[in-house]
Amino acid sequence: MISPVGHYEPIAREGYAFIIPPALAAFGFWWQSYPWLSFLFLLISVGIALFFRNPERATPEDQAIVLSPADGRVAQIEPSVESGNIPGRSFKRISIFMSIFDVHVNRWPVSGKVRKITHVPGAFVDARDPAASLTNEHNSIVLDTTDGPIEVVQIAGMIARRIACWVREGDQVRQGERLGLIRFGSRLDVYLPENFTFTVDIGTKVSAGMTIIAKKVDSTAD
């Protein structure tokens, strides 16, 4: 079945619980004639709303490429790793770190069918730490694709304490569509088959659903 994802609001719905209280406080302080406090809480509300922004993006759909699943910077590239959720295979892994200033809505790097979703409790160390992939609280999504299984992992950071996943096992998902978000600074890992090669380097600034981070290797090329 087609994924029921319908999170197209300009502000992700998970943000309302954080945006409304300071907005109400701003109104209350304005009503009580405390303009500076009112302005401060209004700024806080606007800042939180910006964090939860959910922009529309025109994304390509091509199974020969892999799109960035997150806004941020490439923090780590590993040429050969294993995945505990897809045993018996070797993968290439790319890790993207999202600061609090980046859009935190995640998007599918490729199209496929959701095979398995696993949420694992854990620590909340700095998401830029290579150990975060194993020690931090994370949400693993295994996707069956035309090139075999891949894994997308949403990883919480020091400040991020909630991971939202907007799909279910069995959903058919499309490259570039929204898959979820992580609140307040975090990291996202992608495990790719060995027949893909990365097109970005560590430190590269990437945009979810727009930046090509890997391409399929042409096995017929000389």
Protein backbone atom coordinates (compact mmCIF):
# COMPACT_ATOMS: atom_id res chain seq x y z
CA MET A 1 0.00 0.00 0.00
CA ILE A 2 1.01 3.60 -0.50
CA SER A 3 2.42 5.38 2.55
CA PRO A 4 -0.27 7.42 4.39
CA VAL A 5 2.18 10.24 5.05
CA GLY A 6 0.26 13.51 4.91
CA HIS A 7 2.49 15.82 6.89
CA TYR A 8 2.43 18.71 4.45
CA GLU A 9 1.75 21.58 6.88
CA PRO A 10 4.29 24.44 6.65
CA ILE A 11 4.93 23.87 10.38
CA ALA A 12 5.19 20.20 11.43
CA ARG A 13 2.32 19.29 13.74
CA GLU A 14 4.73 17.96 16.40
CA GLY A 15 5.81 21.55 16.99
CA TYR A 16 2.47 22.97 18.11
CA ALA A 17 2.88 21.85 21.73
CA PHE A 18 6.10 23.89 21.91
CA ILE A 19 5.00 26.91 19.86
CA ILE A 20 1.65 27.67 21.52
CA PRO A 21 2.72 28.06 25.21
CA PRO A 22 5.26 30.88 24.63
CA ALA A 23 2.83 32.51 22.18
CA LEU A 24 0.15 32.51 24.89
CA ALA A 25 2.68 33.86 27.39
CA ALA A 26 3.53 36.66 24.95
CA PHE A 27 -0.14 37.58 24.71
CA GLY A 28 -0.51 37.47 28.48
CA PHE A 29 2.45 39.75 29.11
CA TRP A 30 1.21 42.15 26.41
CA TRP A 31 -2.24 42.19 28.09
CA GLN A 32 -0.60 42.98 31.44
CA SER A 33 1.46 45.81 29.85
CA TYR A 34 4.88 44.11 29.92
CA PRO A 35 5.92 44.77 26.30
CA TRP A 36 9.54 43.60 26.57
CA LEU A 37 8.59 40.27 28.15
CA SER A 38 5.84 39.91 25.57
CA PHE A 39 8.36 40.51 22.77
CA LEU A 40 10.81 38.01 24.28
CA PHE A 41 8.26 35.20 24.43
CA LEU A 42 7.04 36.06 20.94
CA LEU A 43 10.61 35.65 19.67
CA ILE A 44 10.85 32.30 21.44
CA SER A 45 7.63 31.13 19.81
CA VAL A 46 8.78 32.25 16.35
CA GLY A 47 12.17 30.58 16.84
CA ILE A 48 10.56 27.27 17.74
CA ALA A 49 8.21 27.57 14.76
CA LEU A 50 11.22 28.02 12.48
CA PHE A 51 12.78 24.87 13.90
CA PHE A 52 9.67 22.88 12.97
CA ARG A 53 9.38 24.40 9.48
CA ASN A 54 8.34 21.89 6.85
CA PRO A 55 9.06 23.37 3.40
CA GLU A 56 7.79 22.02 0.10
CA ARG A 57 10.57 20.79 -2.18
CA ALA A 58 10.68 19.58 -5.77
CA THR A 59 12.60 16.31 -5.50
CA PRO A 60 13.77 14.04 -8.32
CA GLU A 61 12.90 10.33 -8.36
CA ASP A 62 15.63 8.13 -9.83
CA GLN A 63 16.72 4.79 -8.36
CA ALA A 64 20.22 5.32 -9.78
CA ILE A 65 20.77 8.12 -7.24
CA VAL A 66 20.46 8.53 -3.49
CA LEU A 67 19.10 11.80 -2.11
CA SER A 68 20.10 13.28 1.20
CA PRO A 69 17.55 12.29 3.87
CA ALA A 70 18.32 15.33 6.02
CA ASP A 71 19.44 18.94 6.01
CA GLY A 72 22.84 19.45 7.62
CA ARG A 73 26.46 18.49 7.05
CA VAL A 74 28.07 15.15 6.29
CA ALA A 75 29.73 14.11 9.55
CA GLN A 76 31.07 10.66 8.71
CA ILE A 77 31.53 8.27 5.79
CA GLU A 78 32.35 4.60 6.35
CA PRO A 79 33.26 2.45 3.30
CA SER A 80 32.50 -0.89 4.94
CA VAL A 81 30.23 -1.51 7.93
CA GLU A 82 27.68 -4.06 9.09
CA SER A 83 24.10 -3.50 10.21
CA GLY A 84 22.57 -5.37 13.11
CA ASN A 85 19.17 -5.10 11.42
CA ILE A 86 20.32 -6.53 8.07
CA PRO A 87 22.71 -9.37 8.94
CA GLY A 88 25.02 -11.10 6.49
CA ARG A 89 25.70 -8.05 4.32
CA SER A 90 28.32 -5.33 4.09
CA PHE A 91 27.24 -1.70 3.64
CA LYS A 92 28.57 1.77 3.06
CA ARG A 93 27.36 4.27 5.67
CA ILE A 94 26.97 8.03 5.53
CA SER A 95 26.08 10.13 8.58
CA ILE A 96 24.51 13.60 8.42
CA PHE A 97 24.49 15.90 11.44
CA MET A 98 21.59 18.35 11.87
CA SER A 99 22.13 21.45 13.99
CA ILE A 100 19.25 23.28 15.66
CA PHE A 101 19.23 25.72 12.72
CA ASP A 102 18.57 23.07 10.06
CA VAL A 103 15.20 21.83 8.81
CA HIS A 104 14.56 18.66 10.83
CA VAL A 105 11.98 16.99 8.61
CA ASN A 106 13.59 13.86 7.12
CA ARG A 107 12.96 12.51 3.61
CA TRP A 108 13.40 9.16 1.88
CA PRO A 109 16.75 8.79 0.10
CA VAL A 110 15.30 6.15 -2.27
CA SER A 111 11.96 4.52 -3.04
CA GLY A 112 10.96 1.13 -1.67
CA LYS A 113 8.82 -0.81 0.80
CA VAL A 114 9.21 -0.52 4.57
CA ARG A 115 10.19 -3.96 5.84
CA LYS A 116 10.94 -3.29 9.49
CA ILE A 117 10.91 -0.40 11.99
CA THR A 118 12.85 -0.76 15.23
CA HIS A 119 12.99 1.86 18.00
CA VAL A 120 15.95 1.40 20.38
CA PRO A 121 16.26 3.36 23.68
CA GLY A 122 19.72 4.64 24.49
CA ALA A 123 21.96 7.50 25.56
CA PHE A 124 21.92 11.14 24.38
CA VAL A 125 25.56 11.96 23.61
CA ASP A 126 26.63 14.51 20.99
CA ALA A 127 25.25 13.27 17.65
CA ARG A 128 28.54 14.23 15.95
CA ASP A 129 30.34 11.56 17.98
CA PRO A 130 30.90 8.43 15.82
CA ALA A 131 29.76 6.31 18.78
CA ALA A 132 26.30 7.92 18.59
CA SER A 133 25.28 5.47 15.84
CA LEU A 134 25.41 2.63 18.38
CA THR A 135 24.89 4.21 21.80
CA ASN A 136 22.20 6.87 21.27
CA GLU A 137 18.45 6.38 21.19
CA HIS A 138 17.55 5.71 17.57
CA ASN A 139 14.86 4.57 15.17
CA SER A 140 15.91 2.12 12.44
CA ILE A 141 13.90 1.74 9.23
CA VAL A 142 14.80 -1.11 6.86
CA LEU A 143 13.65 -0.47 3.31
CA ASP A 144 13.42 -3.08 0.55
CA THR A 145 14.51 -1.55 -2.78
CA THR A 146 15.32 -2.71 -6.28
CA ASP A 147 18.99 -2.82 -5.22
CA GLY A 148 18.36 -4.81 -2.06
CA PRO A 149 17.72 -3.64 1.50
CA ILE A 150 18.96 -0.30 2.81
CA GLU A 151 18.66 1.13 6.30
CA VAL A 152 17.76 4.66 7.39
CA VAL A 153 18.45 5.43 11.05
CA GLN A 154 17.11 8.48 12.90
CA ILE A 155 19.44 9.17 15.85
CA ALA A 156 18.74 11.42 18.83
CA GLY A 157 21.43 13.82 20.08
CA MET A 158 22.19 15.65 23.32
CA ILE A 159 19.18 17.96 22.99
CA ALA A 160 16.95 15.87 20.73
CA ARG A 161 14.84 13.60 22.93
CA ARG A 162 11.97 12.66 20.60
CA ILE A 163 12.01 10.87 17.26
CA ALA A 164 8.89 11.01 15.07
CA CYS A 165 8.42 8.35 12.39
CA TRP A 166 5.51 8.95 10.01
CA VAL A 167 5.36 5.54 8.30
CA ARG A 168 4.41 1.97 9.16
CA GLU A 169 5.82 -1.44 8.26
CA GLY A 170 4.48 -2.47 4.86
CA ASP A 171 4.18 1.07 3.50
CA GLN A 172 5.36 1.73 -0.05
CA VAL A 173 7.35 4.98 0.05
CA ARG A 174 8.69 7.32 -2.62
CA GLN A 175 12.07 8.96 -2.91
CA GLY A 176 12.01 12.53 -1.60
CA GLU A 177 8.80 12.14 0.42
CA ARG A 178 8.77 12.97 4.14
CA LEU A 179 9.46 10.13 6.57
CA GLY A 180 9.56 11.87 9.97
CA LEU A 181 11.57 14.30 12.09
CA ILE A 182 13.85 14.51 15.13
CA ARG A 183 13.49 17.34 17.61
CA PHE A 184 16.24 19.84 18.42
CA GLY A 185 19.53 18.71 16.87
CA SER A 186 20.31 15.17 15.80
CA ARG A 187 21.84 12.81 13.22
CA LEU A 188 20.70 10.54 10.43
CA ASP A 189 22.59 7.50 9.09
CA VAL A 190 22.03 5.74 5.76
CA TYR A 191 23.35 2.24 5.05
CA LEU A 192 23.75 1.66 1.31
CA PRO A 193 24.63 -1.45 -0.72
CA GLU A 194 28.19 -1.72 -2.01
CA ASN A 195 27.12 -0.98 -5.59
CA PHE A 196 26.71 2.72 -4.70
CA THR A 197 29.45 5.32 -4.50
CA PHE A 198 29.28 8.55 -2.50
CA THR A 199 29.25 11.88 -4.36
CA VAL A 200 29.81 14.08 -1.28
CA ASP A 201 32.62 14.46 1.24
CA ILE A 202 32.80 14.95 4.99
CA GLY A 203 31.79 18.54 5.74
CA THR A 204 29.56 18.91 2.67
CA LYS A 205 26.38 20.91 3.30
CA VAL A 206 23.35 18.90 2.13
CA SER A 207 19.59 19.47 1.78
CA ALA A 208 16.96 16.78 2.31
CA GLY A 209 15.36 15.54 -0.89
CA MET A 210 17.57 17.73 -3.08
CA THR A 211 21.28 16.95 -2.67
CA ILE A 212 22.51 13.78 -4.40
CA ILE A 213 24.75 11.99 -1.88
CA ALA A 214 25.43 8.76 -3.80
CA LYS A 215 25.03 7.16 -7.22
CA LYS A 216 24.75 3.60 -8.41
CA VAL A 217 27.95 2.21 -9.89
CA ASP A 218 27.52 1.22 -13.54
CA SER A 219 28.58 -2.42 -13.54
CA THR A 220 28.69 -2.46 -17.37
CA ALA A 221 31.29 0.31 -17.55
CA ASP A 222 34.83 -0.65 -18.49
